[in-house]
PDB file of N, CA and C in Angstrom:
ATOM      1  N   UNK A   1      28.655   1.328  -5.711  1.00  0.00           N
ATOM      2  CA  UNK A   1      27.946   0.224  -4.551  1.00  0.00           C
ATOM      3  C   UNK A   1      26.839   0.013  -4.626  1.00  0.00           C
ATOM      4  N   UNK A   2      25.843   1.109  -4.217  1.00  0.00           N
ATOM      5  CA  UNK A   2      24.103   1.388  -4.666  1.00  0.00           C
ATOM      6  C   UNK A   2      24.194   0.305  -6.163  1.00  0.00           C
ATOM      7  N   UNK A   3      24.732  -0.222  -7.521  1.00  0.00           N
ATOM      8  CA  UNK A   3      24.262  -0.965  -8.291  1.00  0.00           C
ATOM      9  C   UNK A   3      25.275  -1.990  -7.665  1.00  0.00           C
ATOM     10  N   UNK A   4      25.728  -2.264  -6.691  1.00  0.00           N
ATOM     11  CA  UNK A   4      26.294  -3.452  -6.656  1.00  0.00           C
ATOM     12  C   UNK A   4      24.867  -4.555  -5.907  1.00  0.00           C
ATOM     13  N   UNK A   5      24.627  -3.514  -4.472  1.00  0.00           N
ATOM     14  CA  UNK A   5      23.626  -3.764  -4.316  1.00  0.00           C
ATOM     15  C   UNK A   5      22.169  -3.949  -4.928  1.00  0.00           C
ATOM     16  N   UNK A   6      22.124  -3.445  -5.911  1.00  0.00           N
ATOM     17  CA  UNK A   6      21.123  -3.320  -7.172  1.00  0.00           C
ATOM     18  C   UNK A   6      20.909  -4.596  -7.658  1.00  0.00           C
ATOM     19  N   UNK A   7      22.216  -4.886  -8.529  1.00  0.00           N
ATOM     20  CA  UNK A   7      22.603  -6.097  -9.137  1.00  0.00           C
ATOM     21  C   UNK A   7      22.335  -7.350  -8.128  1.00  0.00           C
ATOM     22  N   UNK A   8      22.821  -7.376  -7.125  1.00  0.00           N
ATOM     23  CA  UNK A   8      22.061  -8.638  -5.708  1.00  0.00           C
ATOM     24  C   UNK A   8      20.861  -8.665  -5.719  1.00  0.00           C
ATOM     25  N   UNK A   9      20.404  -7.178  -5.378  1.00  0.00           N
ATOM     26  CA  UNK A   9      18.793  -7.779  -5.549  1.00  0.00           C
ATOM     27  C   UNK A   9      18.169  -8.351  -6.567  1.00  0.00           C
ATOM     28  N   UNK A  10      18.792  -7.948  -8.151  1.00  0.00           N
ATOM     29  CA  UNK A  10      18.288  -8.388  -8.840  1.00  0.00           C
ATOM     30  C   UNK A  10      18.391  -9.679  -9.065  1.00  0.00           C
ATOM     31  N   UNK A  11      19.533 -10.521  -8.764  1.00  0.00           N
ATOM     32  CA  UNK A  11      20.144 -11.770  -9.244  1.00  0.00           C
ATOM     33  C   UNK A  11      19.012 -12.904  -7.652  1.00  0.00           C
ATOM     34  N   UNK A  12      18.893 -12.159  -6.503  1.00  0.00           N
ATOM     35  CA  UNK A  12      18.157 -12.891  -5.935  1.00  0.00           C
ATOM     36  C   UNK A  12      16.677 -12.869  -6.489  1.00  0.00           C
ATOM     37  N   UNK A  13      16.067 -12.037  -6.846  1.00  0.00           N
ATOM     38  CA  UNK A  13      15.229 -12.091  -7.796  1.00  0.00           C
ATOM     39  C   UNK A  13      14.435 -13.279  -8.738  1.00  0.00           C
ATOM     40  N   UNK A  14      16.302 -13.256  -9.554  1.00  0.00           N
ATOM     41  CA  UNK A  14      15.768 -14.173 -10.878  1.00  0.00           C
ATOM     42  C   UNK A  14      15.928 -15.535  -9.767  1.00  0.00           C
ATOM     43  N   UNK A  15      16.419 -15.411  -8.811  1.00  0.00           N
ATOM     44  CA  UNK A  15      16.763 -16.960  -7.942  1.00  0.00           C
ATOM     45  C   UNK A  15      15.288 -18.141  -7.323  1.00  0.00           C
ATOM     46  N   UNK A  16      14.461 -16.418  -6.794  1.00  0.00           N
ATOM     47  CA  UNK A  16      13.398 -16.974  -5.724  1.00  0.00           C
ATOM     48  C   UNK A  16      12.310 -17.058  -6.977  1.00  0.00           C
ATOM     49  N   UNK A  17      12.240 -16.003  -7.540  1.00  0.00           N
ATOM     50  CA  UNK A  17      11.414 -16.999  -8.888  1.00  0.00           C
ATOM     51  C   UNK A  17      12.035 -17.710  -9.329  1.00  0.00           C
ATOM     52  N   UNK A  18      12.579 -18.059  -9.755  1.00  0.00           N
ATOM     53  CA  UNK A  18      12.657 -19.868 -10.218  1.00  0.00           C
ATOM     54  C   UNK A  18      12.721 -20.856  -9.288  1.00  0.00           C
ATOM     55  N   UNK A  19      12.807 -20.776  -8.578  1.00  0.00           N
ATOM     56  CA  UNK A  19      12.377 -21.982  -7.118  1.00  0.00           C
ATOM     57  C   UNK A  19      10.989 -21.841  -6.819  1.00  0.00           C
ATOM     58  N   UNK A  20      10.037 -20.325  -7.336  1.00  0.00           N
ATOM     59  CA  UNK A  20       8.777 -20.585  -6.096  1.00  0.00           C
ATOM     60  C   UNK A  20       7.856 -20.578  -7.173  1.00  0.00           C
ATOM     61  N   UNK A  21       8.528 -20.274  -8.656  1.00  0.00           N
ATOM     62  CA  UNK A  21       7.311 -20.010 -10.265  1.00  0.00           C
ATOM     63  C   UNK A  21       7.110 -19.165  -9.747  1.00  0.00           C
ATOM     64  N   UNK A  22       6.870 -18.247  -9.251  1.00  0.00           N
ATOM     65  CA  UNK A  22       6.614 -16.699  -9.974  1.00  0.00           C
ATOM     66  C   UNK A  22       7.053 -16.002 -10.703  1.00  0.00           C
ATOM     67  N   UNK A  23       6.333 -14.940 -11.191  1.00  0.00           N
ATOM     68  CA  UNK A  23       6.781 -13.596 -12.162  1.00  0.00           C
ATOM     69  C   UNK A  23       6.751 -12.850 -11.733  1.00  0.00           C
ATOM     70  N   UNK A  24       7.977 -12.106 -11.745  1.00  0.00           N
ATOM     71  CA  UNK A  24       8.329 -10.515 -10.737  1.00  0.00           C
ATOM     72  C   UNK A  24       8.721  -9.836 -11.724  1.00  0.00           C
ATOM     73  N   UNK A  25       7.889  -8.493 -12.367  1.00  0.00           N
ATOM     74  CA  UNK A  25       7.427  -7.809 -13.998  1.00  0.00           C
ATOM     75  C   UNK A  25       8.068  -6.957 -12.502  1.00  0.00           C
ATOM     76  N   UNK A  26       9.488  -6.015 -12.913  1.00  0.00           N
ATOM     77  CA  UNK A  26       9.528  -4.541 -12.728  1.00  0.00           C
ATOM     78  C   UNK A  26       8.855  -3.315 -13.034  1.00  0.00           C
ATOM     79  N   UNK A  27       8.010  -2.668 -13.567  1.00  0.00           N
ATOM     80  CA  UNK A  27       7.640  -1.252 -14.280  1.00  0.00           C
ATOM     81  C   UNK A  27       7.844  -0.285 -13.616  1.00  0.00           C
ATOM     82  N   UNK A  28       7.703   0.503 -14.283  1.00  0.00           N
ATOM     83  CA  UNK A  28       8.012   2.271 -14.504  1.00  0.00           C
ATOM     84  C   UNK A  28       6.762   2.645 -15.040  1.00  0.00           C
ATOM     85  N   UNK A  29       6.079   3.573 -13.766  1.00  0.00           N
ATOM     86  CA  UNK A  29       4.822   4.502 -14.726  1.00  0.00           C
ATOM     87  C   UNK A  29       5.400   5.333 -15.850  1.00  0.00           C
ATOM     88  N   UNK A  30       4.143   6.193 -16.232  1.00  0.00           N
ATOM     89  CA  UNK A  30       4.874   7.208 -16.345  1.00  0.00           C
ATOM     90  C   UNK A  30       5.666   8.621 -15.624  1.00  0.00           C
ATOM     91  N   UNK A  31       5.489   8.304 -14.416  1.00  0.00           N
ATOM     92  CA  UNK A  31       5.943   9.174 -14.292  1.00  0.00           C
ATOM     93  C   UNK A  31       7.301   9.079 -13.593  1.00  0.00           C
ATOM     94  N   UNK A  32       8.049   7.270 -14.156  1.00  0.00           N
ATOM     95  CA  UNK A  32       8.949   6.843 -13.888  1.00  0.00           C
ATOM     96  C   UNK A  32       9.030   5.758 -12.220  1.00  0.00           C
ATOM     97  N   UNK A  33       8.174   6.236 -11.981  1.00  0.00           N
ATOM     98  CA  UNK A  33       8.161   5.533  -9.917  1.00  0.00           C
ATOM     99  C   UNK A  33       8.095   3.941 -10.692  1.00  0.00           C
ATOM    100  N   UNK A  34       9.388   3.498 -10.441  1.00  0.00           N
ATOM    101  CA  UNK A  34       9.172   1.934 -10.480  1.00  0.00           C
ATOM    102  C   UNK A  34       8.827   0.618  -9.217  1.00  0.00           C
ATOM    103  N   UNK A  35       8.290  -0.161  -9.427  1.00  0.00           N
ATOM    104  CA  UNK A  35       7.114  -1.328  -8.472  1.00  0.00           C
ATOM    105  C   UNK A  35       7.055  -2.180  -9.010  1.00  0.00           C
ATOM    106  N   UNK A  36       7.081  -3.022  -8.286  1.00  0.00           N
ATOM    107  CA  UNK A  36       7.488  -4.723  -8.484  1.00  0.00           C
ATOM    108  C   UNK A  36       6.312  -5.577  -8.570  1.00  0.00           C
ATOM    109  N   UNK A  37       5.498  -6.364  -9.535  1.00  0.00           N
ATOM    110  CA  UNK A  37       4.485  -6.927  -9.162  1.00  0.00           C
ATOM    111  C   UNK A  37       5.146  -8.622  -9.382  1.00  0.00           C
ATOM    112  N   UNK A  38       4.670  -9.439  -8.832  1.00  0.00           N
ATOM    113  CA  UNK A  38       4.703 -11.043  -8.982  1.00  0.00           C
ATOM    114  C   UNK A  38       3.535 -11.282  -9.588  1.00  0.00           C
ATOM    115  N   UNK A  39       3.670 -11.908 -10.547  1.00  0.00           N
ATOM    116  CA  UNK A  39       2.655 -12.800 -11.301  1.00  0.00           C
ATOM    117  C   UNK A  39       2.766 -14.298 -10.378  1.00  0.00           C
ATOM    118  N   UNK A  40       1.884 -14.782  -9.828  1.00  0.00           N
ATOM    119  CA  UNK A  40       2.304 -16.283  -9.241  1.00  0.00           C
ATOM    120  C   UNK A  40       1.098 -17.231 -10.093  1.00  0.00           C
ATOM    121  N   UNK A  41       0.924 -16.801 -11.645  1.00  0.00           N
ATOM    122  CA  UNK A  41       0.094 -17.783 -12.955  1.00  0.00           C
ATOM    123  C   UNK A  41       0.597 -17.738 -13.577  1.00  0.00           C
ATOM    124  N   UNK A  42       0.641 -19.134 -14.755  1.00  0.00           N
ATOM    125  CA  UNK A  42       0.552 -17.965 -16.300  1.00  0.00           C
ATOM    126  C   UNK A  42      -0.025 -17.705 -16.960  1.00  0.00           C
ATOM    127  N   UNK A  43      -0.735 -17.111 -16.247  1.00  0.00           N
ATOM    128  CA  UNK A  43      -1.915 -16.057 -17.413  1.00  0.00           C
ATOM    129  C   UNK A  43      -1.350 -15.563 -16.725  1.00  0.00           C
ATOM    130  N   UNK A  44      -1.275 -13.774 -17.347  1.00  0.00           N
ATOM    131  CA  UNK A  44      -1.158 -12.901 -16.205  1.00  0.00           C
ATOM    132  C   UNK A  44      -1.938 -11.421 -16.684  1.00  0.00           C
ATOM    133  N   UNK A  45      -2.470 -11.503 -18.155  1.00  0.00           N
ATOM    134  CA  UNK A  45      -3.042 -10.977 -18.221  1.00  0.00           C
ATOM    135  C   UNK A  45      -2.886  -9.628 -18.882  1.00  0.00           C
ATOM    136  N   UNK A  46      -1.736  -9.335 -19.126  1.00  0.00           N
ATOM    137  CA  UNK A  46      -1.829  -7.998 -20.391  1.00  0.00           C
ATOM    138  C   UNK A  46      -0.831  -8.566 -21.478  1.00  0.00           C
ATOM    139  N   UNK A  47      -1.412  -7.268 -22.635  1.00  0.00           N
ATOM    140  CA  UNK A  47      -0.659  -8.095 -23.281  1.00  0.00           C
ATOM    141  C   UNK A  47       0.816  -6.466 -23.583  1.00  0.00           C
ATOM    142  N   UNK A  48       1.508  -6.377 -24.138  1.00  0.00           N
ATOM    143  CA  UNK A  48       2.019  -5.239 -24.768  1.00  0.00           C
ATOM    144  C   UNK A  48       3.256  -4.906 -25.851  1.00  0.00           C
ATOM    145  N   UNK A  49       3.424  -3.812 -26.147  1.00  0.00           N
ATOM    146  CA  UNK A  49       3.898  -4.038 -27.620  1.00  0.00           C
ATOM    147  C   UNK A  49       5.558  -2.620 -27.060  1.00  0.00           C
ATOM    148  N   UNK A  50       6.502  -2.633 -28.951  1.00  0.00           N
ATOM    149  CA  UNK A  50       6.894  -1.778 -28.582  1.00  0.00           C
ATOM    150  C   UNK A  50       6.619  -0.456 -28.604  1.00  0.00           C
ATOM    151  N   UNK A  51       7.152   0.411 -27.526  1.00  0.00           N
ATOM    152  CA  UNK A  51       6.537   1.249 -27.208  1.00  0.00           C
ATOM    153  C   UNK A  51       7.918   2.957 -27.145  1.00  0.00           C
ATOM    154  N   UNK A  52       7.594   4.010 -28.834  1.00  0.00           N
ATOM    155  CA  UNK A  52       8.783   4.991 -29.069  1.00  0.00           C
ATOM    156  C   UNK A  52       8.288   6.288 -28.398  1.00  0.00           C
ATOM    157  N   UNK A  53       9.321   6.754 -28.782  1.00  0.00           N
ATOM    158  CA  UNK A  53       9.437   8.159 -28.131  1.00  0.00           C
ATOM    159  C   UNK A  53       8.667   9.604 -28.778  1.00  0.00           C
ATOM    160  N   UNK A  54       7.988   8.365 -30.390  1.00  0.00           N
ATOM    161  CA  UNK A  54       7.098   9.644 -30.462  1.00  0.00           C
ATOM    162  C   UNK A  54       8.461  10.096 -31.262  1.00  0.00           C
ATOM    163  N   UNK A  55       7.578  11.236 -32.664  1.00  0.00           N
ATOM    164  CA  UNK A  55       8.389  11.601 -34.322  1.00  0.00           C
ATOM    165  C   UNK A  55       9.684  12.676 -33.515  1.00  0.00           C
ATOM    166  N   UNK A  56       8.975  13.424 -32.257  1.00  0.00           N
ATOM    167  CA  UNK A  56       9.765  14.634 -31.732  1.00  0.00           C
ATOM    168  C   UNK A  56      10.530  14.500 -30.939  1.00  0.00           C
ATOM    169  N   UNK A  57      10.157  13.332 -30.149  1.00  0.00           N
ATOM    170  CA  UNK A  57      11.154  13.432 -28.827  1.00  0.00           C
ATOM    171  C   UNK A  57      12.384  12.559 -28.933  1.00  0.00           C
ATOM    172  N   UNK A  58      12.622  12.977 -28.384  1.00  0.00           N
ATOM    173  CA  UNK A  58      14.505  11.545 -28.140  1.00  0.00           C
ATOM    174  C   UNK A  58      14.679  11.008 -28.471  1.00  0.00           C
ATOM    175  N   UNK A  59      15.670  10.172 -28.966  1.00  0.00           N
ATOM    176  CA  UNK A  59      15.863   9.107 -29.507  1.00  0.00           C
ATOM    177  C   UNK A  59      16.651   8.032 -28.501  1.00  0.00           C
ATOM    178  N   UNK A  60      15.979   7.090 -28.092  1.00  0.00           N
ATOM    179  CA  UNK A  60      17.187   6.487 -27.332  1.00  0.00           C
ATOM    180  C   UNK A  60      16.504   4.918 -27.902  1.00  0.00           C
ATOM    181  N   UNK A  61      16.489   4.267 -26.864  1.00  0.00           N
ATOM    182  CA  UNK A  61      16.287   2.375 -26.585  1.00  0.00           C
ATOM    183  C   UNK A  61      14.373   2.715 -26.433  1.00  0.00           C
ATOM    184  N   UNK A  62      13.990   1.658 -27.181  1.00  0.00           N
ATOM    185  CA  UNK A  62      12.622   1.253 -27.616  1.00  0.00           C
ATOM    186  C   UNK A  62      12.128   0.784 -26.069  1.00  0.00           C
ATOM    187  N   UNK A  63      11.267   1.438 -25.828  1.00  0.00           N
ATOM    188  CA  UNK A  63      10.773   0.595 -24.320  1.00  0.00           C
ATOM    189  C   UNK A  63       9.905  -0.733 -24.646  1.00  0.00           C
ATOM    190  N   UNK A  64       9.450  -1.188 -24.047  1.00  0.00           N
ATOM    191  CA  UNK A  64       8.401  -2.048 -24.456  1.00  0.00           C
ATOM    192  C   UNK A  64       7.177  -1.926 -22.488  1.00  0.00           C
ATOM    193  N   UNK A  65       6.071  -1.906 -23.623  1.00  0.00           N
ATOM    194  CA  UNK A  65       5.111  -0.668 -22.510  1.00  0.00           C
ATOM    195  C   UNK A  65       3.808  -1.541 -22.844  1.00  0.00           C
ATOM    196  N   UNK A  66       2.855  -1.646 -21.539  1.00  0.00           N
ATOM    197  CA  UNK A  66       1.247  -2.421 -21.915  1.00  0.00           C
ATOM    198  C   UNK A  66       0.674  -1.172 -22.341  1.00  0.00           C
ATOM    199  N   UNK A  67       0.249  -2.098 -23.127  1.00  0.00           N
ATOM    200  CA  UNK A  67      -1.126  -1.440 -24.232  1.00  0.00           C
ATOM    201  C   UNK A  67      -2.036  -2.306 -23.686  1.00  0.00           C
ATOM    202  N   UNK A  68      -2.570  -3.154 -22.924  1.00  0.00           N
ATOM    203  CA  UNK A  68      -3.647  -3.921 -22.338  1.00  0.00           C
ATOM    204  C   UNK A  68      -3.919  -4.333 -21.610  1.00  0.00           C
ATOM    205  N   UNK A  69      -4.990  -4.413 -20.040  1.00  0.00           N
ATOM    206  CA  UNK A  69      -4.958  -4.964 -19.104  1.00  0.00           C
ATOM    207  C   UNK A  69      -6.015  -5.353 -19.503  1.00  0.00           C
ATOM    208  N   UNK A  70      -6.077  -6.699 -19.344  1.00  0.00           N
ATOM    209  CA  UNK A  70      -7.672  -7.462 -19.431  1.00  0.00           C
ATOM    210  C   UNK A  70      -8.701  -7.670 -18.483  1.00  0.00           C
ATOM    211  N   UNK A  71     -10.107  -7.300 -18.733  1.00  0.00           N
ATOM    212  CA  UNK A  71     -10.793  -7.218 -17.291  1.00  0.00           C
ATOM    213  C   UNK A  71     -10.306  -8.399 -16.424  1.00  0.00           C
ATOM    214  N   UNK A  72     -10.854  -8.580 -14.844  1.00  0.00           N
ATOM    215  CA  UNK A  72     -10.646 -10.072 -13.207  1.00  0.00           C
ATOM    216  C   UNK A  72      -9.417 -10.412 -14.435  1.00  0.00           C
ATOM    217  N   UNK A  73      -8.420  -9.987 -14.502  1.00  0.00           N
ATOM    218  CA  UNK A  73      -6.957 -10.523 -14.579  1.00  0.00           C
ATOM    219  C   UNK A  73      -6.514 -10.576 -13.647  1.00  0.00           C
ATOM    220  N   UNK A  74      -4.903 -10.983 -13.268  1.00  0.00           N
ATOM    221  CA  UNK A  74      -4.200 -11.036 -12.290  1.00  0.00           C
ATOM    222  C   UNK A  74      -3.167  -9.388 -12.285  1.00  0.00           C
ATOM    223  N   UNK A  75      -3.024  -8.923 -13.575  1.00  0.00           N
ATOM    224  CA  UNK A  75      -2.617  -8.037 -13.466  1.00  0.00           C
ATOM    225  C   UNK A  75      -3.993  -7.188 -13.383  1.00  0.00           C
ATOM    226  N   UNK A  76      -5.443  -6.726 -13.822  1.00  0.00           N
ATOM    227  CA  UNK A  76      -5.415  -5.610 -13.190  1.00  0.00           C
ATOM    228  C   UNK A  76      -5.642  -5.895 -11.377  1.00  0.00           C
ATOM    229  N   UNK A  77      -5.928  -7.230 -10.772  1.00  0.00           N
ATOM    230  CA  UNK A  77      -6.241  -7.108 -10.008  1.00  0.00           C
ATOM    231  C   UNK A  77      -4.784  -6.811  -8.528  1.00  0.00           C
ATOM    232  N   UNK A  78      -3.766  -6.880  -9.886  1.00  0.00           N
ATOM    233  CA  UNK A  78      -2.244  -6.545  -8.965  1.00  0.00           C
ATOM    234  C   UNK A  78      -2.253  -4.576  -9.448  1.00  0.00           C
ATOM    235  N   UNK A  79      -2.801  -4.291 -10.346  1.00  0.00           N
ATOM    236  CA  UNK A  79      -2.602  -2.655 -10.266  1.00  0.00           C
ATOM    237  C   UNK A  79      -2.412  -2.392 -11.712  1.00  0.00           C
ATOM    238  N   UNK A  80      -1.667  -3.413 -12.750  1.00  0.00           N
ATOM    239  CA  UNK A  80      -0.993  -3.150 -13.668  1.00  0.00           C
ATOM    240  C   UNK A  80      -1.201  -2.001 -14.584  1.00  0.00           C
ATOM    241  N   UNK A  81      -1.113  -0.650 -15.111  1.00  0.00           N
ATOM    242  CA  UNK A  81      -1.918   0.118 -16.177  1.00  0.00           C
ATOM    243  C   UNK A  81      -1.348   0.013 -17.315  1.00  0.00           C
ATOM    244  N   UNK A  82      -1.724   0.348 -18.333  1.00  0.00           N
ATOM    245  CA  UNK A  82      -1.771   0.314 -20.282  1.00  0.00           C
ATOM    246  C   UNK A  82      -1.100   2.315 -19.626  1.00  0.00           C
ATOM    247  N   UNK A  83       0.048   1.783 -20.518  1.00  0.00           N
ATOM    248  CA  UNK A  83       1.210   2.699 -21.137  1.00  0.00           C
ATOM    249  C   UNK A  83       2.397   2.338 -20.172  1.00  0.00           C
ATOM    250  N   UNK A  84       2.407   2.205 -18.391  1.00  0.00           N
ATOM    251  CA  UNK A  84       3.587   1.434 -18.266  1.00  0.00           C
ATOM    252  C   UNK A  84       4.858   0.543 -18.519  1.00  0.00           C
ATOM    253  N   UNK A  85       5.937   1.029 -18.729  1.00  0.00           N
ATOM    254  CA  UNK A  85       7.064   0.215 -19.525  1.00  0.00           C
ATOM    255  C   UNK A  85       7.360  -0.786 -18.497  1.00  0.00           C
ATOM    256  N   UNK A  86       7.683  -2.186 -18.918  1.00  0.00           N
ATOM    257  CA  UNK A  86       7.782  -3.054 -17.989  1.00  0.00           C
ATOM    258  C   UNK A  86      10.146  -2.748 -18.185  1.00  0.00           C
ATOM    259  N   UNK A  87      10.117  -2.996 -17.458  1.00  0.00           N
ATOM    260  CA  UNK A  87      12.289  -2.945 -16.831  1.00  0.00           C
ATOM    261  C   UNK A  87      13.159  -3.944 -16.494  1.00  0.00           C
ATOM    262  N   UNK A  88      12.602  -4.833 -16.686  1.00  0.00           N
ATOM    263  CA  UNK A  88      12.541  -6.081 -15.971  1.00  0.00           C
ATOM    264  C   UNK A  88      11.843  -7.272 -15.601  1.00  0.00           C
ATOM    265  N   UNK A  89      12.330  -8.489 -16.148  1.00  0.00           N
ATOM    266  CA  UNK A  89      11.305  -9.880 -15.800  1.00  0.00           C
ATOM    267  C   UNK A  89      12.414 -10.720 -14.886  1.00  0.00           C
ATOM    268  N   UNK A  90      11.993 -11.148 -13.396  1.00  0.00           N
ATOM    269  CA  UNK A  90      13.009 -11.966 -12.467  1.00  0.00           C
ATOM    270  C   UNK A  90      14.495 -11.591 -13.190  1.00  0.00           C
ATOM    271  N   UNK A  91      14.579  -9.754 -13.200  1.00  0.00           N
ATOM    272  CA  UNK A  91      15.578  -9.503 -11.957  1.00  0.00           C
ATOM    273  C   UNK A  91      16.048  -9.271 -13.722  1.00  0.00           C
ATOM    274  N   UNK A  92      16.138  -9.652 -14.900  1.00  0.00           N
ATOM    275  CA  UNK A  92      16.425 -10.061 -16.005  1.00  0.00           C
ATOM    276  C   UNK A  92      15.996  -8.186 -16.951  1.00  0.00           C
ATOM    277  N   UNK A  93      17.509  -7.151 -16.705  1.00  0.00           N
ATOM    278  CA  UNK A  93      16.546  -6.225 -17.770  1.00  0.00           C
ATOM    279  C   UNK A  93      15.795  -6.582 -19.126  1.00  0.00           C
ATOM    280  N   UNK A  94      14.888  -5.324 -19.787  1.00  0.00           N
ATOM    281  CA  UNK A  94      14.349  -5.510 -20.480  1.00  0.00           C
ATOM    282  C   UNK A  94      14.458  -4.644 -21.538  1.00  0.00           C
ATOM    283  N   UNK A  95      15.556  -4.842 -22.558  1.00  0.00           N
ATOM    284  CA  UNK A  95      15.721  -3.921 -23.271  1.00  0.00           C
ATOM    285  C   UNK A  95      15.090  -3.991 -25.095  1.00  0.00           C
ATOM    286  N   UNK A  96      13.704  -4.724 -25.088  1.00  0.00           N
ATOM    287  CA  UNK A  96      13.651  -4.503 -26.186  1.00  0.00           C
ATOM    288  C   UNK A  96      12.516  -5.852 -26.409  1.00  0.00           C
ATOM    289  N   UNK A  97      11.730  -5.521 -27.466  1.00  0.00           N
ATOM    290  CA  UNK A  97      10.740  -6.781 -27.874  1.00  0.00           C
ATOM    291  C   UNK A  97      11.215  -8.016 -27.940  1.00  0.00           C
ATOM    292  N   UNK A  98      12.212  -8.650 -28.110  1.00  0.00           N
ATOM    293  CA  UNK A  98      12.747 -10.028 -27.563  1.00  0.00           C
ATOM    294  C   UNK A  98      12.535 -10.560 -26.119  1.00  0.00           C
ATOM    295  N   UNK A  99      13.637 -10.212 -25.912  1.00  0.00           N
ATOM    296  CA  UNK A  99      13.885  -9.761 -24.302  1.00  0.00           C
ATOM    297  C   UNK A  99      12.257  -9.847 -23.133  1.00  0.00           C
ATOM    298  N   UNK A 100      11.497  -9.285 -24.136  1.00  0.00           N
ATOM    299  CA  UNK A 100      10.511  -9.390 -23.073  1.00  0.00           C
ATOM    300  C   UNK A 100       9.551 -10.436 -23.443  1.00  0.00           C
ATOM    301  N   UNK A 101       9.439 -11.068 -25.049  1.00  0.00           N
ATOM    302  CA  UNK A 101       8.232 -12.530 -25.224  1.00  0.00           C
ATOM    303  C   UNK A 101       8.857 -13.072 -24.100  1.00  0.00           C
ATOM    304  N   UNK A 102      10.569 -13.089 -23.843  1.00  0.00           N
ATOM    305  CA  UNK A 102      11.254 -15.047 -23.307  1.00  0.00           C
ATOM    306  C   UNK A 102       9.952 -14.475 -21.702  1.00  0.00           C
TER     307      UNK A 102
END
């Protein structure tokens, strides 16, 4: 039931974003805490790249990680931090760099 509710929530997020021209990005901080941030302009103010688990960590899917947050940008104003991973954009799960660029 929890998975169904989560899927419905993501669908609603995507629909709202499409209608309101808002981009909803779901981030996870380094501790794994997830938060949604709503960008209301095309200029978001952060850069991202693929982040890995390093040479000695467990192997898994590559994460898309915030590498830089611009000063005086919407991202900075909304509290986005470097090293946060991007989990979803407008309800669509981000599984690697190509899906993050969309």
